[in-house]
Amino acid sequence: MLGGARSGKSSYAEGLLARERAVDYVACGIPPGPDDPEWADRVALHRARRPASWRTVETLDLPAVLGRSGPPVLVDCLTTWLAGQMDACGVWAGEPGADDRLAAVVDELLAAWTGTPRRVVAVSNEVGNGIVPATPSGRRFRDELGVLNARVAGASTRVWLLTAGLPQRLR
């Protein structure tokens, strides 16, 4: 499920699994804190939309989730997952070996994605249609997310793009 910010990606993804009694909802974002009420409001809105029977899993360890048997999985979202992984791998700090660690983490995710027996719906931002970011870190993130989205889409049976709340099936 690809699309721009506030395009309806998450709601549409949730709708694809609405008939499922049990879903593992994997939240990859940073948990809200007291210093960011706007983020807390966004998280609360997402939580309020989900059925009570869905289990929320807050983690960046997507390969572990996909490696377990269980109900369908909704990953929201690959954008925040990638940002967290780039941080954990030391990309932002310019640590030696960071690029190799990031490549390995992405490869591990793709292996888990293609090998999981579970139905998976994932949300990710499409950032390649906007302006070129003004900073090297912004351009790096946009490029890494574009590559991740392309790899996940290439390994998926269905791919959707949401624009202005309107879904288009790409595959």
Protein backbone atom coordinates (compact mmCIF):
# COMPACT_ATOMS: atom_id res chain seq x y z
CA MET A 1 0.00 0.00 0.00
CA LEU A 2 1.86 3.03 -1.29
CA GLY A 3 0.86 6.67 -1.24
CA GLY A 4 1.65 10.14 -0.06
CA ALA A 5 1.16 11.53 3.41
CA ARG A 6 -2.48 11.54 4.50
CA SER A 7 -3.58 9.79 1.30
CA GLY A 8 -5.63 7.16 3.12
CA LYS A 9 -3.06 4.34 2.99
CA SER A 10 -3.55 3.11 6.53
CA SER A 11 -7.34 3.23 6.44
CA TYR A 12 -7.42 1.37 3.15
CA ALA A 13 -4.96 -1.25 4.42
CA GLU A 14 -7.06 -1.73 7.54
CA GLY A 15 -10.11 -2.16 5.31
CA LEU A 16 -8.41 -4.96 3.41
CA LEU A 17 -8.22 -6.90 6.69
CA ALA A 18 -11.50 -5.69 8.21
CA ARG A 19 -13.15 -9.12 8.03
CA GLU A 20 -10.31 -10.75 9.96
CA ARG A 21 -11.06 -11.29 13.62
CA ALA A 22 -7.39 -11.43 14.58
CA VAL A 23 -4.64 -9.32 13.03
CA ASP A 24 -1.15 -8.52 14.26
CA TYR A 25 -0.90 -4.76 13.71
CA VAL A 26 2.82 -3.98 13.64
CA ALA A 27 3.46 -0.35 14.55
CA CYS A 28 6.97 0.59 13.45
CA GLY A 29 6.88 4.21 14.58
CA ILE A 30 8.33 5.74 17.69
CA PRO A 31 5.86 5.51 20.58
CA PRO A 32 4.37 8.93 21.40
CA GLY A 33 5.95 10.94 24.14
CA PRO A 34 4.89 13.96 26.17
CA ASP A 35 6.92 16.34 23.99
CA ASP A 36 4.99 15.60 20.79
CA PRO A 37 1.21 15.86 21.25
CA GLU A 38 0.60 15.94 17.49
CA TRP A 39 2.28 12.51 17.10
CA ALA A 40 0.32 11.22 20.10
CA ASP A 41 -2.91 12.35 18.39
CA ARG A 42 -1.96 10.51 15.18
CA VAL A 43 -1.19 7.31 17.08
CA ALA A 44 -4.45 7.60 19.04
CA LEU A 45 -6.42 8.00 15.81
CA HIS A 46 -4.85 4.83 14.38
CA ARG A 47 -5.55 2.90 17.59
CA ALA A 48 -9.18 4.05 17.73
CA ARG A 49 -9.84 2.79 14.18
CA ARG A 50 -8.62 -0.74 14.88
CA PRO A 51 -10.88 -3.49 16.19
CA ALA A 52 -10.24 -4.44 19.82
CA SER A 53 -9.49 -8.01 18.71
CA TRP A 54 -6.42 -6.87 16.75
CA ARG A 55 -3.14 -7.14 18.62
CA THR A 56 -0.72 -4.22 18.42
CA VAL A 57 2.97 -5.12 18.21
CA GLU A 58 5.39 -2.20 18.50
CA THR A 59 8.65 -3.35 16.96
CA LEU A 60 11.20 -2.84 14.21
CA ASP A 61 11.94 -6.57 14.14
CA LEU A 62 9.71 -7.36 11.18
CA PRO A 63 11.61 -10.56 10.23
CA ALA A 64 10.77 -12.03 13.65
CA VAL A 65 7.07 -11.18 13.24
CA LEU A 66 6.95 -12.56 9.70
CA GLY A 67 8.86 -15.67 10.79
CA ARG A 68 6.16 -16.72 13.24
CA SER A 69 2.92 -18.37 12.29
CA GLY A 70 -0.21 -16.53 13.21
CA PRO A 71 -2.96 -14.29 11.91
CA PRO A 72 -2.53 -11.78 9.07
CA VAL A 73 -0.09 -8.95 9.65
CA LEU A 74 -0.58 -5.25 8.95
CA VAL A 75 2.72 -3.34 8.93
CA ASP A 76 2.33 0.39 9.45
CA CYS A 77 4.65 1.47 8.13
CA LEU A 78 7.77 0.60 6.17
CA THR A 79 8.71 4.29 6.08
CA THR A 80 9.12 4.52 9.84
CA TRP A 81 10.70 1.04 9.89
CA LEU A 82 13.38 2.21 7.47
CA ALA A 83 14.04 5.42 9.39
CA GLY A 84 14.50 3.41 12.58
CA GLN A 85 16.76 0.89 10.88
CA MET A 86 18.90 3.62 9.32
CA ASP A 87 19.35 5.05 12.81
CA ALA A 88 20.05 1.65 14.40
CA CYS A 89 22.60 0.79 11.68
CA GLY A 90 24.46 4.06 12.21
CA VAL A 91 23.71 5.53 8.79
CA TRP A 92 22.80 8.96 10.17
CA ALA A 93 25.95 9.06 12.30
CA GLY A 94 28.16 7.98 9.39
CA GLU A 95 29.46 4.97 11.30
CA PRO A 96 31.87 2.63 9.50
CA GLY A 97 30.01 -0.35 8.03
CA ALA A 98 26.60 1.34 8.34
CA ASP A 99 25.75 0.87 4.66
CA ASP A 100 26.55 -2.84 4.83
CA ARG A 101 24.49 -3.25 8.01
CA LEU A 102 21.54 -1.47 6.42
CA ALA A 103 21.78 -3.61 3.27
CA ALA A 104 21.81 -6.75 5.43
CA VAL A 105 18.76 -5.62 7.42
CA VAL A 106 16.82 -4.87 4.23
CA ASP A 107 17.86 -8.23 2.73
CA GLU A 108 16.71 -9.97 5.93
CA LEU A 109 13.34 -8.24 5.68
CA LEU A 110 12.92 -9.28 2.04
CA ALA A 111 13.81 -12.89 2.87
CA ALA A 112 11.22 -12.90 5.65
CA TRP A 113 8.68 -11.19 3.39
CA THR A 114 9.03 -13.81 0.65
CA GLY A 115 9.17 -16.70 3.10
CA THR A 116 6.32 -15.90 5.44
CA PRO A 117 3.26 -18.14 5.47
CA ARG A 118 1.21 -15.21 6.78
CA ARG A 119 -0.89 -12.78 4.78
CA VAL A 120 0.86 -9.41 5.02
CA VAL A 121 -0.42 -5.95 4.18
CA ALA A 122 2.18 -3.21 4.47
CA VAL A 123 1.89 0.55 4.26
CA SER A 124 4.68 2.77 2.94
CA ASN A 125 5.05 6.32 1.76
CA GLU A 126 5.69 7.02 -1.90
CA VAL A 127 8.27 9.80 -1.68
CA GLY A 128 9.68 9.71 -5.19
CA ASN A 129 7.03 11.98 -6.72
CA GLY A 130 7.86 15.04 -4.67
CA ILE A 131 10.60 17.58 -4.73
CA VAL A 132 14.23 16.57 -4.37
CA PRO A 133 15.11 17.03 -0.69
CA ALA A 134 17.49 19.90 0.02
CA THR A 135 19.75 17.93 2.38
CA PRO A 136 22.02 14.93 1.77
CA SER A 137 20.27 12.98 4.55
CA GLY A 138 16.85 13.75 3.03
CA ARG A 139 18.00 12.60 -0.41
CA ARG A 140 19.56 9.46 1.08
CA PHE A 141 16.35 8.58 2.91
CA ARG A 142 14.19 9.21 -0.15
CA ASP A 143 16.48 7.03 -2.26
CA GLU A 144 16.64 4.20 0.29
CA LEU A 145 12.85 4.23 0.69
CA GLY A 146 12.36 4.16 -3.08
CA VAL A 147 14.61 1.09 -3.35
CA LEU A 148 12.87 -0.61 -0.39
CA ASN A 149 9.42 0.07 -1.85
CA ALA A 150 10.49 -1.30 -5.23
CA ARG A 151 11.93 -4.46 -3.69
CA VAL A 152 8.88 -5.11 -1.52
CA ALA A 153 6.53 -4.39 -4.43
CA GLY A 154 8.54 -6.76 -6.63
CA ALA A 155 8.09 -9.52 -4.04
CA SER A 156 4.35 -8.88 -3.55
CA THR A 157 1.34 -10.36 -5.31
CA ARG A 158 -0.67 -7.13 -5.06
CA VAL A 159 0.45 -3.52 -4.96
CA TRP A 160 -1.84 -0.54 -4.42
CA LEU A 161 -1.23 3.19 -4.82
CA LEU A 162 -3.47 5.67 -3.01
CA THR A 163 -3.70 9.19 -4.34
CA ALA A 164 -6.13 11.64 -2.74
CA GLY A 165 -7.87 8.72 -1.06
CA LEU A 166 -8.44 6.88 -4.33
CA PRO A 167 -6.91 3.40 -4.60
CA GLN A 168 -5.34 2.17 -7.82
CA ARG A 169 -4.18 -1.40 -8.15
CA LEU A 170 -0.73 -1.47 -9.72
CA ARG A 171 -0.31 -5.23 -9.56
